[in-house]
């Protein structure tokens, strides 16, 4: 499962947030995320932005790298994430508890 901090737009794993809580010496509240399957948007790992249609991804993109080496879906695209609504509190010592 991936997590993100309230107000953040990037998704990180649990170890990242444990390190963040330890470094800041303050608890961190994060929300659990799950992959959005069949969503309208895909995440471009090269541009660091969401692609909403294939019009902006393809031969016109300098970083286009099709999975089958000829045409089709670019290997730089990944699925986006959606929130589960389940929040967790991560303390400075690394303990994780669900927040109700």
PDB file of N, CA and C in Angstrom:
ATOM      1  N   UNK A   1       0.838  -1.176   0.000  1.00  0.00           N
ATOM      2  CA  UNK A   1       0.000   0.000   0.000  1.00  0.00           C
ATOM      3  C   UNK A   1       0.883   1.238   0.000  1.00  0.00           C
ATOM      4  N   UNK A   2       0.432   2.257  -0.685  1.00  0.00           N
ATOM      5  CA  UNK A   2       1.149   3.526  -0.721  1.00  0.00           C
ATOM      6  C   UNK A   2       0.391   4.535   0.146  1.00  0.00           C
ATOM      7  N   UNK A   3       1.077   5.595   0.542  1.00  0.00           N
ATOM      8  CA  UNK A   3       0.492   6.606   1.403  1.00  0.00           C
ATOM      9  C   UNK A   3       0.873   7.994   0.920  1.00  0.00           C
ATOM     10  N   UNK A   4       0.029   8.967   1.235  1.00  0.00           N
ATOM     11  CA  UNK A   4       0.420  10.334   0.981  1.00  0.00           C
ATOM     12  C   UNK A   4       0.008  11.200   2.155  1.00  0.00           C
ATOM     13  N   UNK A   5       0.676  12.295   2.348  1.00  0.00           N
ATOM     14  CA  UNK A   5       0.387  13.211   3.433  1.00  0.00           C
ATOM     15  C   UNK A   5      -0.739  14.143   3.030  1.00  0.00           C
ATOM     16  N   UNK A   6      -1.527  14.562   3.999  1.00  0.00           N
ATOM     17  CA  UNK A   6      -2.586  15.527   3.702  1.00  0.00           C
ATOM     18  C   UNK A   6      -1.978  16.757   3.045  1.00  0.00           C
ATOM     19  N   UNK A   7      -2.550  17.165   1.931  1.00  0.00           N
ATOM     20  CA  UNK A   7      -2.057  18.322   1.212  1.00  0.00           C
ATOM     21  C   UNK A   7      -0.961  17.998   0.213  1.00  0.00           C
ATOM     22  N   UNK A   8      -0.484  16.759   0.178  1.00  0.00           N
ATOM     23  CA  UNK A   8       0.575  16.383  -0.750  1.00  0.00           C
ATOM     24  C   UNK A   8       0.001  15.846  -2.047  1.00  0.00           C
ATOM     25  N   UNK A   9       0.807  15.844  -3.081  1.00  0.00           N
ATOM     26  CA  UNK A   9       0.329  15.298  -4.348  1.00  0.00           C
ATOM     27  C   UNK A   9       1.141  14.089  -4.790  1.00  0.00           C
ATOM     28  N   UNK A  10       2.178  13.750  -4.044  1.00  0.00           N
ATOM     29  CA  UNK A  10       2.997  12.613  -4.408  1.00  0.00           C
ATOM     30  C   UNK A  10       2.735  11.446  -3.470  1.00  0.00           C
ATOM     31  N   UNK A  11       2.872  10.248  -3.987  1.00  0.00           N
ATOM     32  CA  UNK A  11       2.600   9.029  -3.241  1.00  0.00           C
ATOM     33  C   UNK A  11       3.928   8.366  -2.894  1.00  0.00           C
ATOM     34  N   UNK A  12       4.081   7.996  -1.621  1.00  0.00           N
ATOM     35  CA  UNK A  12       5.309   7.363  -1.158  1.00  0.00           C
ATOM     36  C   UNK A  12       4.973   6.121  -0.348  1.00  0.00           C
ATOM     37  N   UNK A  13       5.952   5.241  -0.153  1.00  0.00           N
ATOM     38  CA  UNK A  13       5.724   4.044   0.646  1.00  0.00           C
ATOM     39  C   UNK A  13       5.847   4.361   2.134  1.00  0.00           C
ATOM     40  N   UNK A  14       5.525   3.372   2.951  1.00  0.00           N
ATOM     41  CA  UNK A  14       5.481   3.566   4.400  1.00  0.00           C
ATOM     42  C   UNK A  14       6.841   3.940   4.972  1.00  0.00           C
ATOM     43  N   UNK A  15       7.920   3.346   4.471  1.00  0.00           N
ATOM     44  CA  UNK A  15       9.253   3.658   4.993  1.00  0.00           C
ATOM     45  C   UNK A  15       9.606   5.133   4.833  1.00  0.00           C
ATOM     46  N   UNK A  16       9.173   5.736   3.723  1.00  0.00           N
ATOM     47  CA  UNK A  16       9.418   7.164   3.513  1.00  0.00           C
ATOM     48  C   UNK A  16       8.794   7.987   4.624  1.00  0.00           C
ATOM     49  N   UNK A  17       7.543   7.669   5.003  1.00  0.00           N
ATOM     50  CA  UNK A  17       6.835   8.459   6.020  1.00  0.00           C
ATOM     51  C   UNK A  17       7.376   8.177   7.417  1.00  0.00           C
ATOM     52  N   UNK A  18       7.855   6.971   7.651  1.00  0.00           N
ATOM     53  CA  UNK A  18       8.504   6.686   8.939  1.00  0.00           C
ATOM     54  C   UNK A  18       9.774   7.520   9.074  1.00  0.00           C
ATOM     55  N   UNK A  19      10.547   7.598   8.000  1.00  0.00           N
ATOM     56  CA  UNK A  19      11.760   8.427   8.009  1.00  0.00           C
ATOM     57  C   UNK A  19      11.420   9.896   8.207  1.00  0.00           C
ATOM     58  N   UNK A  20      10.359  10.361   7.555  1.00  0.00           N
ATOM     59  CA  UNK A  20       9.941  11.768   7.688  1.00  0.00           C
ATOM     60  C   UNK A  20       9.556  12.087   9.135  1.00  0.00           C
ATOM     61  N   UNK A  21       8.788  11.197   9.764  1.00  0.00           N
ATOM     62  CA  UNK A  21       8.388  11.407  11.157  1.00  0.00           C
ATOM     63  C   UNK A  21       9.607  11.402  12.071  1.00  0.00           C
ATOM     64  N   UNK A  22      10.542  10.502  11.817  1.00  0.00           N
ATOM     65  CA  UNK A  22      11.755  10.431  12.623  1.00  0.00           C
ATOM     66  C   UNK A  22      12.599  11.694  12.451  1.00  0.00           C
ATOM     67  N   UNK A  23      12.761  12.158  11.219  1.00  0.00           N
ATOM     68  CA  UNK A  23      13.587  13.336  10.947  1.00  0.00           C
ATOM     69  C   UNK A  23      13.002  14.601  11.553  1.00  0.00           C
ATOM     70  N   UNK A  24      11.683  14.763  11.475  1.00  0.00           N
ATOM     71  CA  UNK A  24      11.045  15.978  12.000  1.00  0.00           C
ATOM     72  C   UNK A  24      10.710  15.870  13.477  1.00  0.00           C
ATOM     73  N   UNK A  25      10.789  14.653  14.020  1.00  0.00           N
ATOM     74  CA  UNK A  25      10.426  14.385  15.411  1.00  0.00           C
ATOM     75  C   UNK A  25       8.989  14.821  15.725  1.00  0.00           C
ATOM     76  N   UNK A  26       8.131  14.673  14.728  1.00  0.00           N
ATOM     77  CA  UNK A  26       6.704  14.961  14.883  1.00  0.00           C
ATOM     78  C   UNK A  26       5.919  13.862  14.181  1.00  0.00           C
ATOM     79  N   UNK A  27       4.746  13.513  14.726  1.00  0.00           N
ATOM     80  CA  UNK A  27       3.915  12.512  14.049  1.00  0.00           C
ATOM     81  C   UNK A  27       3.443  13.008  12.686  1.00  0.00           C
ATOM     82  N   UNK A  28       3.222  12.069  11.777  1.00  0.00           N
ATOM     83  CA  UNK A  28       2.759  12.384  10.435  1.00  0.00           C
ATOM     84  C   UNK A  28       1.424  11.660  10.233  1.00  0.00           C
ATOM     85  N   UNK A  29       0.432  12.375   9.684  1.00  0.00           N
ATOM     86  CA  UNK A  29      -0.859  11.778   9.350  1.00  0.00           C
ATOM     87  C   UNK A  29      -0.882  11.559   7.839  1.00  0.00           C
ATOM     88  N   UNK A  30      -1.147  10.317   7.418  1.00  0.00           N
ATOM     89  CA  UNK A  30      -1.173   9.976   5.994  1.00  0.00           C
ATOM     90  C   UNK A  30      -2.447   9.210   5.676  1.00  0.00           C
ATOM     91  N   UNK A  31      -2.797   9.183   4.401  1.00  0.00           N
ATOM     92  CA  UNK A  31      -3.959   8.433   3.941  1.00  0.00           C
ATOM     93  C   UNK A  31      -3.496   7.276   3.074  1.00  0.00           C
ATOM     94  N   UNK A  32      -4.112   6.127   3.243  1.00  0.00           N
ATOM     95  CA  UNK A  32      -3.807   4.970   2.408  1.00  0.00           C
ATOM     96  C   UNK A  32      -4.314   5.204   0.994  1.00  0.00           C
ATOM     97  N   UNK A  33      -3.559   4.761   0.013  1.00  0.00           N
ATOM     98  CA  UNK A  33      -3.929   4.937  -1.390  1.00  0.00           C
ATOM     99  C   UNK A  33      -3.976   3.571  -2.060  1.00  0.00           C
ATOM    100  N   UNK A  34      -4.765   3.477  -3.116  1.00  0.00           N
ATOM    101  CA  UNK A  34      -4.793   2.260  -3.927  1.00  0.00           C
ATOM    102  C   UNK A  34      -4.712   2.671  -5.386  1.00  0.00           C
ATOM    103  N   UNK A  35      -4.262   1.753  -6.222  1.00  0.00           N
ATOM    104  CA  UNK A  35      -4.150   2.043  -7.654  1.00  0.00           C
ATOM    105  C   UNK A  35      -5.522   2.233  -8.259  1.00  0.00           C
ATOM    106  N   UNK A  36      -5.628   3.200  -9.147  1.00  0.00           N
ATOM    107  CA  UNK A  36      -6.875   3.453  -9.861  1.00  0.00           C
ATOM    108  C   UNK A  36      -6.828   2.652 -11.160  1.00  0.00           C
ATOM    109  N   UNK A  37      -7.582   1.590 -11.210  1.00  0.00           N
ATOM    110  CA  UNK A  37      -7.594   0.745 -12.408  1.00  0.00           C
ATOM    111  C   UNK A  37      -8.694   1.213 -13.339  1.00  0.00           C
ATOM    112  N   UNK A  38      -8.358   1.379 -14.601  1.00  0.00           N
ATOM    113  CA  UNK A  38      -9.341   1.803 -15.587  1.00  0.00           C
ATOM    114  C   UNK A  38      -9.674   3.278 -15.513  1.00  0.00           C
ATOM    115  N   UNK A  39      -8.837   4.057 -14.859  1.00  0.00           N
ATOM    116  CA  UNK A  39      -9.084   5.491 -14.729  1.00  0.00           C
ATOM    117  C   UNK A  39      -8.809   6.236 -16.021  1.00  0.00           C
ATOM    118  N   UNK A  40      -9.241   7.468 -16.070  1.00  0.00           N
ATOM    119  CA  UNK A  40      -9.064   8.291 -17.270  1.00  0.00           C
ATOM    120  C   UNK A  40      -7.662   8.870 -17.376  1.00  0.00           C
ATOM    121  N   UNK A  41      -6.932   8.907 -16.269  1.00  0.00           N
ATOM    122  CA  UNK A  41      -5.616   9.527 -16.282  1.00  0.00           C
ATOM    123  C   UNK A  41      -4.533   8.501 -15.993  1.00  0.00           C
ATOM    124  N   UNK A  42      -3.389   8.716 -16.621  1.00  0.00           N
ATOM    125  CA  UNK A  42      -2.199   7.909 -16.363  1.00  0.00           C
ATOM    126  C   UNK A  42      -1.081   8.862 -15.937  1.00  0.00           C
ATOM    127  N   UNK A  43      -0.175   8.391 -15.102  1.00  0.00           N
ATOM    128  CA  UNK A  43       0.933   9.201 -14.606  1.00  0.00           C
ATOM    129  C   UNK A  43       2.153   8.969 -15.475  1.00  0.00           C
ATOM    130  N   UNK A  44       2.720  10.056 -16.011  1.00  0.00           N
ATOM    131  CA  UNK A  44       3.953   9.981 -16.795  1.00  0.00           C
ATOM    132  C   UNK A  44       5.127  10.111 -15.834  1.00  0.00           C
ATOM    133  N   UNK A  45       5.939   9.068 -15.737  1.00  0.00           N
ATOM    134  CA  UNK A  45       7.062   9.088 -14.808  1.00  0.00           C
ATOM    135  C   UNK A  45       8.190  10.003 -15.273  1.00  0.00           C
ATOM    136  N   UNK A  46       8.243  10.327 -16.550  1.00  0.00           N
ATOM    137  CA  UNK A  46       9.288  11.207 -17.075  1.00  0.00           C
ATOM    138  C   UNK A  46       8.921  12.671 -16.846  1.00  0.00           C
ATOM    139  N   UNK A  47       7.701  13.057 -17.251  1.00  0.00           N
ATOM    140  CA  UNK A  47       7.264  14.444 -17.108  1.00  0.00           C
ATOM    141  C   UNK A  47       6.796  14.781 -15.700  1.00  0.00           C
ATOM    142  N   UNK A  48       6.453  13.756 -14.907  1.00  0.00           N
ATOM    143  CA  UNK A  48       5.957  13.996 -13.557  1.00  0.00           C
ATOM    144  C   UNK A  48       4.605  14.677 -13.565  1.00  0.00           C
ATOM    145  N   UNK A  49       3.735  14.258 -14.479  1.00  0.00           N
ATOM    146  CA  UNK A  49       2.423  14.881 -14.617  1.00  0.00           C
ATOM    147  C   UNK A  49       1.426  13.840 -15.094  1.00  0.00           C
ATOM    148  N   UNK A  50       0.135  14.132 -14.893  1.00  0.00           N
ATOM    149  CA  UNK A  50      -0.911  13.240 -15.370  1.00  0.00           C
ATOM    150  C   UNK A  50      -1.179  13.489 -16.843  1.00  0.00           C
ATOM    151  N   UNK A  51      -1.394  12.418 -17.574  1.00  0.00           N
ATOM    152  CA  UNK A  51      -1.772  12.465 -18.983  1.00  0.00           C
ATOM    153  C   UNK A  51      -3.240  12.065 -19.034  1.00  0.00           C
ATOM    154  N   UNK A  52      -4.083  12.942 -19.566  1.00  0.00           N
ATOM    155  CA  UNK A  52      -5.513  12.649 -19.560  1.00  0.00           C
ATOM    156  C   UNK A  52      -5.988  11.985 -20.840  1.00  0.00           C
ATOM    157  N   UNK A  53      -5.225  12.058 -21.897  1.00  0.00           N
ATOM    158  CA  UNK A  53      -5.628  11.397 -23.137  1.00  0.00           C
ATOM    159  C   UNK A  53      -4.382  11.010 -23.918  1.00  0.00           C
ATOM    160  N   UNK A  54      -4.566  10.156 -24.894  1.00  0.00           N
ATOM    161  CA  UNK A  54      -3.427   9.742 -25.715  1.00  0.00           C
ATOM    162  C   UNK A  54      -2.982  10.822 -26.687  1.00  0.00           C
ATOM    163  N   UNK A  55      -3.740  11.922 -26.777  1.00  0.00           N
ATOM    164  CA  UNK A  55      -3.355  13.010 -27.678  1.00  0.00           C
ATOM    165  C   UNK A  55      -2.026  13.641 -27.278  1.00  0.00           C
ATOM    166  N   UNK A  56      -1.731  13.658 -25.984  1.00  0.00           N
ATOM    167  CA  UNK A  56      -0.488  14.282 -25.534  1.00  0.00           C
ATOM    168  C   UNK A  56       0.626  13.261 -25.313  1.00  0.00           C
ATOM    169  N   UNK A  57       0.342  12.007 -25.620  1.00  0.00           N
ATOM    170  CA  UNK A  57       1.348  10.966 -25.472  1.00  0.00           C
ATOM    171  C   UNK A  57       1.408  10.173 -26.778  1.00  0.00           C
ATOM    172  N   UNK A  58       2.570  10.008 -27.300  1.00  0.00           N
ATOM    173  CA  UNK A  58       2.732   9.279 -28.555  1.00  0.00           C
ATOM    174  C   UNK A  58       3.969   9.758 -29.277  1.00  0.00           C
ATOM    175  N   UNK A  59       3.974   9.634 -30.589  1.00  0.00           N
ATOM    176  CA  UNK A  59       5.156   9.994 -31.377  1.00  0.00           C
ATOM    177  C   UNK A  59       5.572  11.448 -31.215  1.00  0.00           C
ATOM    178  N   UNK A  60       4.623  12.345 -30.865  1.00  0.00           N
ATOM    179  CA  UNK A  60       4.969  13.751 -30.702  1.00  0.00           C
ATOM    180  C   UNK A  60       5.741  14.019 -29.399  1.00  0.00           C
ATOM    181  N   UNK A  61       5.776  13.045 -28.492  1.00  0.00           N
ATOM    182  CA  UNK A  61       6.494  13.204 -27.224  1.00  0.00           C
ATOM    183  C   UNK A  61       7.931  12.713 -27.404  1.00  0.00           C
ATOM    184  N   UNK A  62       8.900  13.503 -26.986  1.00  0.00           N
ATOM    185  CA  UNK A  62      10.312  13.136 -27.154  1.00  0.00           C
ATOM    186  C   UNK A  62      10.700  11.944 -26.285  1.00  0.00           C
ATOM    187  N   UNK A  63       9.937  11.663 -25.211  1.00  0.00           N
ATOM    188  CA  UNK A  63      10.249  10.561 -24.308  1.00  0.00           C
ATOM    189  C   UNK A  63       9.389   9.327 -24.567  1.00  0.00           C
ATOM    190  N   UNK A  64       8.634   9.314 -25.661  1.00  0.00           N
ATOM    191  CA  UNK A  64       7.754   8.189 -25.990  1.00  0.00           C
ATOM    192  C   UNK A  64       8.573   6.928 -26.206  1.00  0.00           C
ATOM    193  N   UNK A  65       8.236   5.877 -25.463  1.00  0.00           N
ATOM    194  CA  UNK A  65       8.954   4.603 -25.528  1.00  0.00           C
ATOM    195  C   UNK A  65       7.913   3.485 -25.457  1.00  0.00           C
ATOM    196  N   UNK A  66       7.383   3.054 -26.605  1.00  0.00           N
ATOM    197  CA  UNK A  66       6.306   2.054 -26.586  1.00  0.00           C
ATOM    198  C   UNK A  66       6.759   0.711 -26.015  1.00  0.00           C
ATOM    199  N   UNK A  67       5.844   0.061 -25.304  1.00  0.00           N
ATOM    200  CA  UNK A  67       6.150  -1.231 -24.669  1.00  0.00           C
ATOM    201  C   UNK A  67       6.548  -2.298 -25.674  1.00  0.00           C
ATOM    202  N   UNK A  68       5.929  -2.277 -26.865  1.00  0.00           N
ATOM    203  CA  UNK A  68       6.248  -3.308 -27.858  1.00  0.00           C
ATOM    204  C   UNK A  68       7.294  -2.847 -28.876  1.00  0.00           C
ATOM    205  N   UNK A  69       7.955  -1.731 -28.589  1.00  0.00           N
ATOM    206  CA  UNK A  69       9.032  -1.162 -29.420  1.00  0.00           C
ATOM    207  C   UNK A  69       8.553  -0.588 -30.755  1.00  0.00           C
ATOM    208  N   UNK A  70       7.232  -0.649 -31.046  1.00  0.00           N
ATOM    209  CA  UNK A  70       6.716  -0.142 -32.316  1.00  0.00           C
ATOM    210  C   UNK A  70       5.692   0.959 -32.085  1.00  0.00           C
ATOM    211  N   UNK A  71       4.616   0.629 -31.403  1.00  0.00           N
ATOM    212  CA  UNK A  71       3.554   1.597 -31.125  1.00  0.00           C
ATOM    213  C   UNK A  71       2.764   1.105 -29.917  1.00  0.00           C
ATOM    214  N   UNK A  72       1.843   1.896 -29.451  1.00  0.00           N
ATOM    215  CA  UNK A  72       1.017   1.490 -28.315  1.00  0.00           C
ATOM    216  C   UNK A  72       1.342   2.274 -27.066  1.00  0.00           C
ATOM    217  N   UNK A  73       0.979   1.682 -25.924  1.00  0.00           N
ATOM    218  CA  UNK A  73       1.149   2.364 -24.644  1.00  0.00           C
ATOM    219  C   UNK A  73       2.622   2.584 -24.334  1.00  0.00           C
ATOM    220  N   UNK A  74       2.916   3.771 -23.872  1.00  0.00           N
ATOM    221  CA  UNK A  74       4.287   4.133 -23.505  1.00  0.00           C
ATOM    222  C   UNK A  74       4.654   3.457 -22.184  1.00  0.00           C
ATOM    223  N   UNK A  75       5.865   2.951 -22.093  1.00  0.00           N
ATOM    224  CA  UNK A  75       6.279   2.292 -20.862  1.00  0.00           C
ATOM    225  C   UNK A  75       6.533   3.278 -19.718  1.00  0.00           C
ATOM    226  N   UNK A  76       6.515   4.583 -20.013  1.00  0.00           N
ATOM    227  CA  UNK A  76       6.687   5.590 -18.970  1.00  0.00           C
ATOM    228  C   UNK A  76       5.378   5.930 -18.260  1.00  0.00           C
ATOM    229  N   UNK A  77       4.259   5.363 -18.707  1.00  0.00           N
ATOM    230  CA  UNK A  77       2.965   5.633 -18.086  1.00  0.00           C
ATOM    231  C   UNK A  77       2.645   4.588 -17.030  1.00  0.00           C
ATOM    232  N   UNK A  78       2.166   5.038 -15.888  1.00  0.00           N
ATOM    233  CA  UNK A  78       1.715   4.145 -14.821  1.00  0.00           C
ATOM    234  C   UNK A  78       0.332   4.585 -14.377  1.00  0.00           C
ATOM    235  N   UNK A  79      -0.349   3.708 -13.653  1.00  0.00           N
ATOM    236  CA  UNK A  79      -1.673   4.042 -13.153  1.00  0.00           C
ATOM    237  C   UNK A  79      -1.571   5.073 -12.044  1.00  0.00           C
ATOM    238  N   UNK A  80      -2.629   5.855 -11.902  1.00  0.00           N
ATOM    239  CA  UNK A  80      -2.696   6.815 -10.819  1.00  0.00           C
ATOM    240  C   UNK A  80      -3.184   6.149  -9.540  1.00  0.00           C
ATOM    241  N   UNK A  81      -3.318   6.926  -8.490  1.00  0.00           N
ATOM    242  CA  UNK A  81      -3.791   6.430  -7.206  1.00  0.00           C
ATOM    243  C   UNK A  81      -5.019   7.206  -6.775  1.00  0.00           C
ATOM    244  N   UNK A  82      -5.885   6.556  -6.004  1.00  0.00           N
ATOM    245  CA  UNK A  82      -7.034   7.218  -5.394  1.00  0.00           C
ATOM    246  C   UNK A  82      -7.008   6.905  -3.900  1.00  0.00           C
ATOM    247  N   UNK A  83      -7.522   7.829  -3.122  1.00  0.00           N
ATOM    248  CA  UNK A  83      -7.530   7.665  -1.675  1.00  0.00           C
ATOM    249  C   UNK A  83      -8.527   6.622  -1.218  1.00  0.00           C
ATOM    250  N   UNK A  84      -8.174   5.922  -0.148  1.00  0.00           N
ATOM    251  CA  UNK A  84      -9.067   4.927   0.431  1.00  0.00           C
ATOM    252  C   UNK A  84      -9.934   5.518   1.537  1.00  0.00           C
ATOM    253  N   UNK A  85      -9.566   6.700   2.008  1.00  0.00           N
ATOM    254  CA  UNK A  85     -10.284   7.318   3.114  1.00  0.00           C
ATOM    255  C   UNK A  85      -9.801   6.835   4.475  1.00  0.00           C
ATOM    256  N   UNK A  86      -8.875   5.903   4.486  1.00  0.00           N
ATOM    257  CA  UNK A  86      -8.336   5.374   5.739  1.00  0.00           C
ATOM    258  C   UNK A  86      -7.060   6.137   6.069  1.00  0.00           C
ATOM    259  N   UNK A  87      -7.052   6.772   7.255  1.00  0.00           N
ATOM    260  CA  UNK A  87      -5.893   7.578   7.645  1.00  0.00           C
ATOM    261  C   UNK A  87      -5.109   6.862   8.734  1.00  0.00           C
ATOM    262  N   UNK A  88      -3.805   7.120   8.722  1.00  0.00           N
ATOM    263  CA  UNK A  88      -2.891   6.510   9.673  1.00  0.00           C
ATOM    264  C   UNK A  88      -2.023   7.591  10.304  1.00  0.00           C
ATOM    265  N   UNK A  89      -1.655   7.362  11.562  1.00  0.00           N
ATOM    266  CA  UNK A  89      -0.741   8.254  12.280  1.00  0.00           C
ATOM    267  C   UNK A  89       0.563   7.504  12.471  1.00  0.00           C
ATOM    268  N   UNK A  90       1.650   8.108  12.000  1.00  0.00           N
ATOM    269  CA  UNK A  90       2.978   7.496  12.115  1.00  0.00           C
ATOM    270  C   UNK A  90       3.786   8.344  13.092  1.00  0.00           C
ATOM    271  N   UNK A  91       4.262   7.723  14.156  1.00  0.00           N
ATOM    272  CA  UNK A  91       4.992   8.461  15.185  1.00  0.00           C
ATOM    273  C   UNK A  91       6.491   8.459  14.906  1.00  0.00           C
ATOM    274  N   UNK A  92       7.200   9.244  15.720  1.00  0.00           N
ATOM    275  CA  UNK A  92       8.649   9.389  15.554  1.00  0.00           C
ATOM    276  C   UNK A  92       9.377   8.067  15.728  1.00  0.00           C
ATOM    277  N   UNK A  93       8.837   7.153  16.547  1.00  0.00           N
ATOM    278  CA  UNK A  93       9.504   5.865  16.768  1.00  0.00           C
ATOM    279  C   UNK A  93       9.110   4.819  15.739  1.00  0.00           C
ATOM    280  N   UNK A  94       8.279   5.190  14.745  1.00  0.00           N
ATOM    281  CA  UNK A  94       7.939   4.296  13.654  1.00  0.00           C
ATOM    282  C   UNK A  94       6.664   3.493  13.824  1.00  0.00           C
ATOM    283  N   UNK A  95       5.936   3.716  14.929  1.00  0.00           N
ATOM    284  CA  UNK A  95       4.694   2.957  15.086  1.00  0.00           C
ATOM    285  C   UNK A  95       3.602   3.555  14.208  1.00  0.00           C
ATOM    286  N   UNK A  96       2.738   2.693  13.693  1.00  0.00           N
ATOM    287  CA  UNK A  96       1.673   3.095  12.774  1.00  0.00           C
ATOM    288  C   UNK A  96       0.347   2.691  13.391  1.00  0.00           C
ATOM    289  N   UNK A  97      -0.571   3.655  13.520  1.00  0.00           N
ATOM    290  CA  UNK A  97      -1.901   3.378  14.050  1.00  0.00           C
ATOM    291  C   UNK A  97      -2.939   4.008  13.145  1.00  0.00           C
ATOM    292  N   UNK A  98      -4.039   3.286  12.988  1.00  0.00           N
ATOM    293  CA  UNK A  98      -5.142   3.809  12.202  1.00  0.00           C
ATOM    294  C   UNK A  98      -5.861   4.904  12.975  1.00  0.00           C
ATOM    295  N   UNK A  99      -6.189   5.990  12.276  1.00  0.00           N
ATOM    296  CA  UNK A  99      -6.889   7.117  12.876  1.00  0.00           C
ATOM    297  C   UNK A  99      -8.365   6.983  12.513  1.00  0.00           C
ATOM    298  N   UNK A 100      -9.219   7.050  13.491  1.00  0.00           N
ATOM    299  CA  UNK A 100     -10.665   6.911  13.231  1.00  0.00           C
ATOM    300  C   UNK A 100     -11.309   8.223  12.932  1.00  0.00           C
TER     301      UNK A 100
END
